[in-house]
């Protein structure tokens, strides 16, 4: 059983949803990333989404775009990110880690080489933002070979037919994008999210995590009532950036505790 499935099954048995923070590897500096990951888990995170820095992160809003820029200034590469995961695994063998990024770095490495290296480092899942399911066959086969989950995005505009197609290719969980826009956009319509998550669940038994637009405890708690996972990215990245390099880990942990308490309440 994968770490992701084991985590989500355990939380389901407890009547709880997963708290899934997203951060960009190498932001605010590469040496801090592993400590930040541990701090997030200590604060209450269940699954970690680690962004691979990329020069054109088109799905991201300004907050996360700046985080990519900061990480790239330190020349953080896909290999660097895998090294960070391997160092995290020296202390934590249980918390699932999902890499989230764009196709180019993986394609440059090669699907088979990437899958072997990521599995050896301790990565549990991969979400490629700009890779349509129709083009993911080779990569998915390599991920399946090494027991890694392939996670896909669903949008508010995704048709039921395409939802079913994507769900058949995916494993681990499905990531529902709650907004028509980039990460960090302003308005979260919980009622619409509830309707769309219900549509997804009518087509698949896979858990659903919801991200984009979740900024505070109230929003996290509302989403936790309808989905198996709550993904928080821009709010976390902004909180850590405001705290500065020395305070990023403690600021991230404090936000996790705040959200976890709201979700469990």
Protein backbone atom coordinates (compact mmCIF):
# COMPACT_ATOMS: atom_id res chain seq x y z
CA UNK A 1 0.00 0.00 0.00
CA UNK A 2 1.35 3.43 -0.94
CA UNK A 3 2.02 6.06 1.70
CA UNK A 4 -0.67 8.25 0.14
CA UNK A 5 -3.37 5.59 0.32
CA UNK A 6 -2.34 4.57 3.83
CA UNK A 7 -2.51 8.19 4.99
CA UNK A 8 -5.90 8.89 3.41
CA UNK A 9 -7.36 5.58 4.63
CA UNK A 10 -6.22 6.35 8.18
CA UNK A 11 -7.73 9.83 8.11
CA UNK A 12 -10.98 8.52 6.62
CA UNK A 13 -11.29 6.03 9.48
CA UNK A 14 -10.94 8.99 11.86
CA UNK A 15 -13.51 11.10 10.01
CA UNK A 16 -10.85 13.68 9.09
CA UNK A 17 -9.54 15.25 5.89
CA UNK A 18 -5.89 15.55 4.91
CA UNK A 19 -4.13 18.88 5.26
CA UNK A 20 -1.86 19.23 2.22
CA UNK A 21 0.54 22.20 2.19
CA UNK A 22 2.30 23.23 -1.02
CA UNK A 23 5.64 25.00 -1.06
CA UNK A 24 8.32 25.57 -3.67
CA UNK A 25 11.50 23.59 -3.03
CA UNK A 26 14.40 25.96 -2.36
CA UNK A 27 12.26 28.88 -1.18
CA UNK A 28 13.28 30.92 0.77
CA UNK A 29 16.64 29.13 0.40
CA UNK A 30 17.61 25.54 -0.40
CA UNK A 31 19.16 24.83 3.00
CA UNK A 32 15.86 25.58 4.73
CA UNK A 33 13.52 23.36 2.74
CA UNK A 34 13.98 20.09 4.64
CA UNK A 35 13.59 21.80 8.02
CA UNK A 36 10.45 23.54 6.75
CA UNK A 37 8.97 20.22 5.61
CA UNK A 38 9.53 18.70 9.05
CA UNK A 39 8.04 21.79 10.70
CA UNK A 40 4.91 21.56 8.55
CA UNK A 41 4.41 17.93 9.58
CA UNK A 42 4.90 18.83 13.23
CA UNK A 43 2.31 21.58 12.78
CA UNK A 44 -0.30 19.15 11.46
CA UNK A 45 0.33 18.54 7.74
CA UNK A 46 -0.60 15.08 6.46
CA UNK A 47 0.70 15.08 2.86
CA UNK A 48 3.39 17.39 1.49
CA UNK A 49 3.24 18.87 -2.02
CA UNK A 50 6.69 20.05 -3.05
CA UNK A 51 6.88 22.34 -6.06
CA UNK A 52 9.73 21.84 -8.53
CA UNK A 53 11.06 25.31 -9.49
CA UNK A 54 10.32 26.27 -13.09
CA UNK A 55 10.92 29.39 -15.15
CA UNK A 56 7.36 29.65 -16.48
CA UNK A 57 4.93 28.43 -13.79
CA UNK A 58 1.84 29.37 -15.75
CA UNK A 59 -0.73 27.99 -13.30
CA UNK A 60 0.59 30.08 -10.44
CA UNK A 61 -0.39 33.49 -9.19
CA UNK A 62 2.13 36.20 -8.27
CA UNK A 63 2.89 34.86 -4.79
CA UNK A 64 4.03 31.44 -5.96
CA UNK A 65 5.64 32.80 -9.12
CA UNK A 66 7.95 34.84 -6.89
CA UNK A 67 8.75 31.71 -4.88
CA UNK A 68 9.80 29.96 -8.09
CA UNK A 69 12.00 32.92 -8.96
CA UNK A 70 13.64 32.90 -5.53
CA UNK A 71 14.37 29.17 -5.78
CA UNK A 72 15.74 29.45 -9.32
CA UNK A 73 18.10 32.20 -8.17
CA UNK A 74 19.77 29.43 -6.12
CA UNK A 75 19.81 27.14 -9.21
CA UNK A 76 17.49 24.61 -7.59
CA UNK A 77 16.94 21.81 -10.12
CA UNK A 78 14.84 18.66 -10.23
CA UNK A 79 17.89 16.72 -9.01
CA UNK A 80 18.21 19.19 -6.12
CA UNK A 81 14.59 18.59 -5.18
CA UNK A 82 15.08 14.81 -5.16
CA UNK A 83 18.08 15.28 -2.88
CA UNK A 84 15.88 17.30 -0.50
CA UNK A 85 13.30 14.51 -0.42
CA UNK A 86 16.02 11.94 0.32
CA UNK A 87 17.27 14.05 3.24
CA UNK A 88 13.71 14.45 4.55
CA UNK A 89 13.32 10.67 4.49
CA UNK A 90 16.25 10.25 6.84
CA UNK A 91 13.97 11.45 9.65
CA UNK A 92 10.47 10.82 8.31
CA UNK A 93 9.61 7.57 6.56
CA UNK A 94 5.84 7.95 6.79
CA UNK A 95 4.62 11.34 5.52
CA UNK A 96 3.70 11.17 1.81
CA UNK A 97 5.45 13.58 -0.55
CA UNK A 98 4.01 14.60 -3.93
CA UNK A 99 6.12 16.49 -6.44
CA UNK A 100 4.12 19.12 -8.29
CA UNK A 101 5.55 20.86 -11.32
CA UNK A 102 5.80 21.17 -15.06
CA UNK A 103 6.65 18.68 -17.77
CA UNK A 104 9.94 20.09 -19.07
CA UNK A 105 12.28 19.12 -16.19
CA UNK A 106 10.90 15.56 -16.10
CA UNK A 107 11.05 15.18 -19.86
CA UNK A 108 14.63 16.43 -19.93
CA UNK A 109 15.62 13.82 -17.34
CA UNK A 110 13.64 11.10 -19.07
CA UNK A 111 10.60 9.29 -17.72
CA UNK A 112 12.38 6.09 -16.72
CA UNK A 113 15.37 7.80 -15.12
CA UNK A 114 13.07 10.18 -13.26
CA UNK A 115 10.84 7.40 -11.95
CA UNK A 116 13.80 5.41 -10.65
CA UNK A 117 15.46 8.44 -9.05
CA UNK A 118 12.23 9.74 -7.49
CA UNK A 119 11.29 6.35 -6.06
CA UNK A 120 14.79 5.93 -4.62
CA UNK A 121 14.56 9.37 -2.99
CA UNK A 122 11.19 8.57 -1.38
CA UNK A 123 8.71 10.44 -3.59
CA UNK A 124 5.18 9.03 -3.46
CA UNK A 125 3.32 10.86 -6.22
CA UNK A 126 3.71 13.19 -9.17
CA UNK A 127 1.42 15.93 -10.46
CA UNK A 128 2.44 17.54 -13.76
CA UNK A 129 0.39 20.69 -14.27
CA UNK A 130 0.88 21.07 -18.02
CA UNK A 131 0.76 17.43 -19.16
CA UNK A 132 -2.62 16.41 -20.58
CA UNK A 133 -3.70 12.86 -19.75
CA UNK A 134 -3.50 11.98 -23.45
CA UNK A 135 0.25 12.64 -23.38
CA UNK A 136 1.01 10.99 -20.03
CA UNK A 137 1.06 7.36 -21.13
CA UNK A 138 4.81 6.74 -21.05
CA UNK A 139 5.35 8.62 -17.81
CA UNK A 140 2.36 6.95 -16.13
CA UNK A 141 3.69 3.53 -17.08
CA UNK A 142 7.04 4.34 -15.48
CA UNK A 143 5.37 5.70 -12.33
CA UNK A 144 3.26 2.56 -12.06
CA UNK A 145 6.37 0.41 -12.50
CA UNK A 146 7.98 1.93 -9.39
CA UNK A 147 4.76 2.15 -7.35
CA UNK A 148 4.37 5.92 -7.55
CA UNK A 149 0.96 7.61 -7.80
CA UNK A 150 0.00 9.69 -10.83
CA UNK A 151 -2.13 12.62 -9.70
CA UNK A 152 -4.15 14.74 -12.13
CA UNK A 153 -5.92 18.07 -11.99
CA UNK A 154 -9.65 18.57 -12.58
CA UNK A 155 -11.07 22.03 -13.21
CA UNK A 156 -14.52 23.60 -12.78
CA UNK A 157 -14.92 23.40 -16.56
CA UNK A 158 -13.98 19.71 -16.85
CA UNK A 159 -16.83 17.68 -18.37
CA UNK A 160 -18.17 14.55 -16.72
CA UNK A 161 -16.86 12.45 -19.61
CA UNK A 162 -13.36 13.82 -19.20
CA UNK A 163 -13.54 13.49 -15.40
CA UNK A 164 -14.17 9.78 -15.86
CA UNK A 165 -11.29 9.45 -18.33
CA UNK A 166 -8.86 11.24 -16.01
CA UNK A 167 -10.01 9.23 -12.99
CA UNK A 168 -9.24 5.98 -14.79
CA UNK A 169 -5.64 7.10 -15.32
CA UNK A 170 -5.08 8.57 -11.86
CA UNK A 171 -4.11 7.03 -8.54
CA UNK A 172 -3.58 8.36 -5.04
CA UNK A 173 -6.08 11.19 -5.27
CA UNK A 174 -7.55 13.68 -7.72
CA UNK A 175 -6.77 17.37 -7.32
CA UNK A 176 -9.79 19.58 -7.96
CA UNK A 177 -8.93 23.18 -8.82
CA UNK A 178 -11.61 25.20 -7.06
CA UNK A 179 -11.17 28.43 -9.05
CA UNK A 180 -11.23 29.53 -12.67
CA UNK A 181 -7.83 31.19 -12.55
CA UNK A 182 -4.35 30.92 -11.11
CA UNK A 183 -3.31 29.97 -7.59
CA UNK A 184 -4.04 32.59 -4.97
CA UNK A 185 -7.09 33.99 -6.74
CA UNK A 186 -9.53 35.77 -4.49
CA UNK A 187 -12.94 34.10 -4.34
CA UNK A 188 -13.75 30.58 -3.18
CA UNK A 189 -17.32 29.41 -3.86
CA UNK A 190 -17.78 26.55 -1.40
CA UNK A 191 -21.23 25.65 -2.70
CA UNK A 192 -19.88 25.20 -6.23
CA UNK A 193 -16.97 23.14 -4.89
CA UNK A 194 -19.45 20.92 -3.03
CA UNK A 195 -21.43 20.31 -6.23
CA UNK A 196 -18.35 19.57 -8.34
CA UNK A 197 -16.80 17.25 -5.77
CA UNK A 198 -20.08 15.33 -5.63
CA UNK A 199 -19.96 14.98 -9.43
CA UNK A 200 -16.41 13.65 -9.25
CA UNK A 201 -17.23 11.17 -6.49
CA UNK A 202 -20.13 9.83 -8.55
CA UNK A 203 -17.57 8.76 -11.17
CA UNK A 204 -14.72 7.37 -9.05
CA UNK A 205 -13.77 6.00 -5.65
CA UNK A 206 -10.54 8.01 -5.63
CA UNK A 207 -10.22 10.60 -2.85
CA UNK A 208 -10.52 14.24 -3.90
CA UNK A 209 -8.26 17.03 -2.68
CA UNK A 210 -9.28 20.64 -3.29
CA UNK A 211 -6.87 23.51 -3.78
CA UNK A 212 -6.59 27.11 -5.07
CA UNK A 213 -8.18 29.89 -3.04
CA UNK A 214 -8.00 28.35 0.45
CA UNK A 215 -6.56 31.12 2.59
CA UNK A 216 -7.71 30.62 6.18
CA UNK A 217 -9.17 28.28 8.73
CA UNK A 218 -12.79 28.98 7.79
CA UNK A 219 -12.20 28.09 4.14
CA UNK A 220 -10.15 25.01 5.07
CA UNK A 221 -12.88 23.79 7.43
CA UNK A 222 -15.58 24.30 4.79
CA UNK A 223 -13.62 22.33 2.19
CA UNK A 224 -12.76 19.58 4.70
CA UNK A 225 -16.47 18.88 5.06
CA UNK A 226 -16.80 17.94 1.37
CA UNK A 227 -13.37 16.65 0.30
CA UNK A 228 -10.75 14.21 1.53
CA UNK A 229 -7.93 16.73 1.17
CA UNK A 230 -7.41 20.47 1.62
CA UNK A 231 -4.47 21.95 -0.31
CA UNK A 232 -3.01 25.25 0.86
CA UNK A 233 -0.33 26.92 -1.24
CA UNK A 234 -0.33 30.68 -1.72
CA UNK A 235 -1.35 31.43 1.86
CA UNK A 236 1.52 29.31 3.16
CA UNK A 237 4.11 30.70 0.75
CA UNK A 238 3.06 34.25 1.57
CA UNK A 239 3.10 33.61 5.33
CA UNK A 240 6.62 32.19 5.13
CA UNK A 241 7.87 34.97 2.85
CA UNK A 242 6.59 37.58 5.30
CA UNK A 243 8.33 35.81 8.19
CA UNK A 244 11.68 35.86 6.37
CA UNK A 245 14.33 33.17 6.14
CA UNK A 246 14.79 32.74 9.89
CA UNK A 247 11.09 32.58 10.68
CA UNK A 248 9.75 30.64 7.69
CA UNK A 249 9.63 27.20 9.34
CA UNK A 250 7.90 28.39 12.51
CA UNK A 251 5.46 30.54 10.51
CA UNK A 252 4.58 27.58 8.30
CA UNK A 253 4.08 25.31 11.30
CA UNK A 254 1.84 27.89 12.98
CA UNK A 255 -0.37 28.11 9.89
CA UNK A 256 -0.64 24.31 9.74
CA UNK A 257 -1.74 24.21 13.38
CA UNK A 258 -4.30 26.95 12.75
CA UNK A 259 -5.77 25.16 9.73
CA UNK A 260 -5.66 21.71 11.33
CA UNK A 261 -7.55 22.94 14.37
CA UNK A 262 -10.18 24.60 12.18
CA UNK A 263 -10.59 21.48 10.04
CA UNK A 264 -10.87 19.18 13.04
CA UNK A 265 -13.18 21.55 14.87
